[in-house]
Amino acid sequence: MLELLPAERPIESLIRLDPHIAQVARYIDGFFGFDQWFLFDTRWAAAHPDLARSLLRYAAHWDPYET
């Protein structure tokens, strides 16, 4: 997992590991800021269906107003 972090500024990247979900805010640079990753399994998705659906939609559609 450490290879996902940029070697030049790993201190600014954040990782949070909980049962059934991993959250990563990988620092890109001063212009782009952070790249966010959410990795979760079906057990977490079943416990948080609205949030899981929202994260999957966010990953597939960047425009929140698109129908």
C-alpha atoms as a PDB file:
ATOM      1  CA  MET A   1       0.000   0.000   0.000  1.00  0.00           C
ATOM      2  CA  LEU A   2       2.897   2.376   0.598  1.00  0.00           C
ATOM      3  CA  GLU A   3       3.748   2.398  -3.133  1.00  0.00           C
ATOM      4  CA  LEU A   4       0.533   4.400  -3.683  1.00  0.00           C
ATOM      5  CA  LEU A   5       2.013   7.335  -1.778  1.00  0.00           C
ATOM      6  CA  PRO A   6       4.284   9.803  -3.589  1.00  0.00           C
ATOM      7  CA  ALA A   7       7.848   9.452  -2.355  1.00  0.00           C
ATOM      8  CA  GLU A   8       8.500  13.204  -2.243  1.00  0.00           C
ATOM      9  CA  ARG A   9       5.726  14.146   0.262  1.00  0.00           C
ATOM     10  CA  PRO A  10       4.271  11.089   1.989  1.00  0.00           C
ATOM     11  CA  ILE A  11       3.612  13.017   5.202  1.00  0.00           C
ATOM     12  CA  GLU A  12       0.722  14.910   3.554  1.00  0.00           C
ATOM     13  CA  SER A  13      -1.066  11.738   2.433  1.00  0.00           C
ATOM     14  CA  LEU A  14      -3.584  10.190   4.793  1.00  0.00           C
ATOM     15  CA  ILE A  15      -4.649   6.568   5.278  1.00  0.00           C
ATOM     16  CA  ARG A  16      -7.468   5.299   7.483  1.00  0.00           C
ATOM     17  CA  LEU A  17      -8.116   1.586   7.857  1.00  0.00           C
ATOM     18  CA  ASP A  18     -11.262   0.311   9.544  1.00  0.00           C
ATOM     19  CA  PRO A  19     -12.967  -3.068   9.353  1.00  0.00           C
ATOM     20  CA  HIS A  20     -14.368  -3.486   5.829  1.00  0.00           C
ATOM     21  CA  ILE A  21     -13.287  -0.041   4.508  1.00  0.00           C
ATOM     22  CA  ALA A  22     -10.012   1.693   3.665  1.00  0.00           C
ATOM     23  CA  GLN A  23      -9.837   5.425   2.955  1.00  0.00           C
ATOM     24  CA  VAL A  24      -6.845   7.046   1.278  1.00  0.00           C
ATOM     25  CA  ALA A  25      -6.244  10.731   0.588  1.00  0.00           C
ATOM     26  CA  ARG A  26      -3.143  10.573  -1.615  1.00  0.00           C
ATOM     27  CA  TYR A  27      -1.352  13.913  -1.912  1.00  0.00           C
ATOM     28  CA  ILE A  28      -0.723  14.874  -5.542  1.00  0.00           C
ATOM     29  CA  ASP A  29       0.666  18.427  -5.431  1.00  0.00           C
ATOM     30  CA  GLY A  30      -0.195  21.998  -4.504  1.00  0.00           C
ATOM     31  CA  PHE A  31      -2.374  22.501  -7.589  1.00  0.00           C
ATOM     32  CA  PHE A  32      -4.414  19.268  -7.630  1.00  0.00           C
ATOM     33  CA  GLY A  33      -4.437  18.654  -3.875  1.00  0.00           C
ATOM     34  CA  PHE A  34      -5.535  15.137  -2.949  1.00  0.00           C
ATOM     35  CA  ASP A  35      -6.723  12.078  -4.853  1.00  0.00           C
ATOM     36  CA  GLN A  36      -9.332  10.253  -2.741  1.00  0.00           C
ATOM     37  CA  TRP A  37      -9.796   6.480  -2.719  1.00  0.00           C
ATOM     38  CA  PHE A  38     -12.467   4.501  -0.890  1.00  0.00           C
ATOM     39  CA  LEU A  39     -12.159   0.712  -0.846  1.00  0.00           C
ATOM     40  CA  PHE A  40     -14.990  -1.179   0.797  1.00  0.00           C
ATOM     41  CA  ASP A  41     -16.496  -4.640   0.771  1.00  0.00           C
ATOM     42  CA  THR A  42     -20.072  -5.863   0.521  1.00  0.00           C
ATOM     43  CA  ARG A  43     -20.447  -6.115   4.295  1.00  0.00           C
ATOM     44  CA  TRP A  44     -19.702  -2.396   4.717  1.00  0.00           C
ATOM     45  CA  ALA A  45     -21.943  -1.561   1.748  1.00  0.00           C
ATOM     46  CA  ALA A  46     -24.819  -3.540   3.278  1.00  0.00           C
ATOM     47  CA  ALA A  47     -24.424  -1.631   6.561  1.00  0.00           C
ATOM     48  CA  HIS A  48     -24.226   1.766   4.767  1.00  0.00           C
ATOM     49  CA  PRO A  49     -26.228   1.366   1.531  1.00  0.00           C
ATOM     50  CA  ASP A  50     -26.864   5.065   0.839  1.00  0.00           C
ATOM     51  CA  LEU A  51     -23.244   6.061   1.373  1.00  0.00           C
ATOM     52  CA  ALA A  52     -21.947   3.101  -0.659  1.00  0.00           C
ATOM     53  CA  ARG A  53     -24.289   3.965  -3.542  1.00  0.00           C
ATOM     54  CA  SER A  54     -23.203   7.604  -3.342  1.00  0.00           C
ATOM     55  CA  LEU A  55     -19.495   6.714  -3.447  1.00  0.00           C
ATOM     56  CA  LEU A  56     -20.009   4.389  -6.405  1.00  0.00           C
ATOM     57  CA  ARG A  57     -21.932   7.097  -8.259  1.00  0.00           C
ATOM     58  CA  TYR A  58     -19.205   9.650  -7.440  1.00  0.00           C
ATOM     59  CA  ALA A  59     -16.605   7.275  -8.912  1.00  0.00           C
ATOM     60  CA  ALA A  60     -18.576   6.791 -12.132  1.00  0.00           C
ATOM     61  CA  HIS A  61     -20.080  10.279 -12.673  1.00  0.00           C
ATOM     62  CA  TRP A  62     -18.185  13.423 -11.790  1.00  0.00           C
ATOM     63  CA  ASP A  63     -21.166  15.712 -12.518  1.00  0.00           C
ATOM     64  CA  PRO A  64     -23.666  15.577  -9.617  1.00  0.00           C
ATOM     65  CA  TYR A  65     -26.381  17.236 -11.750  1.00  0.00           C
ATOM     66  CA  GLU A  66     -26.161  14.680 -14.562  1.00  0.00           C
ATOM     67  CA  THR A  67     -29.242  12.469 -14.784  1.00  0.00           C
END
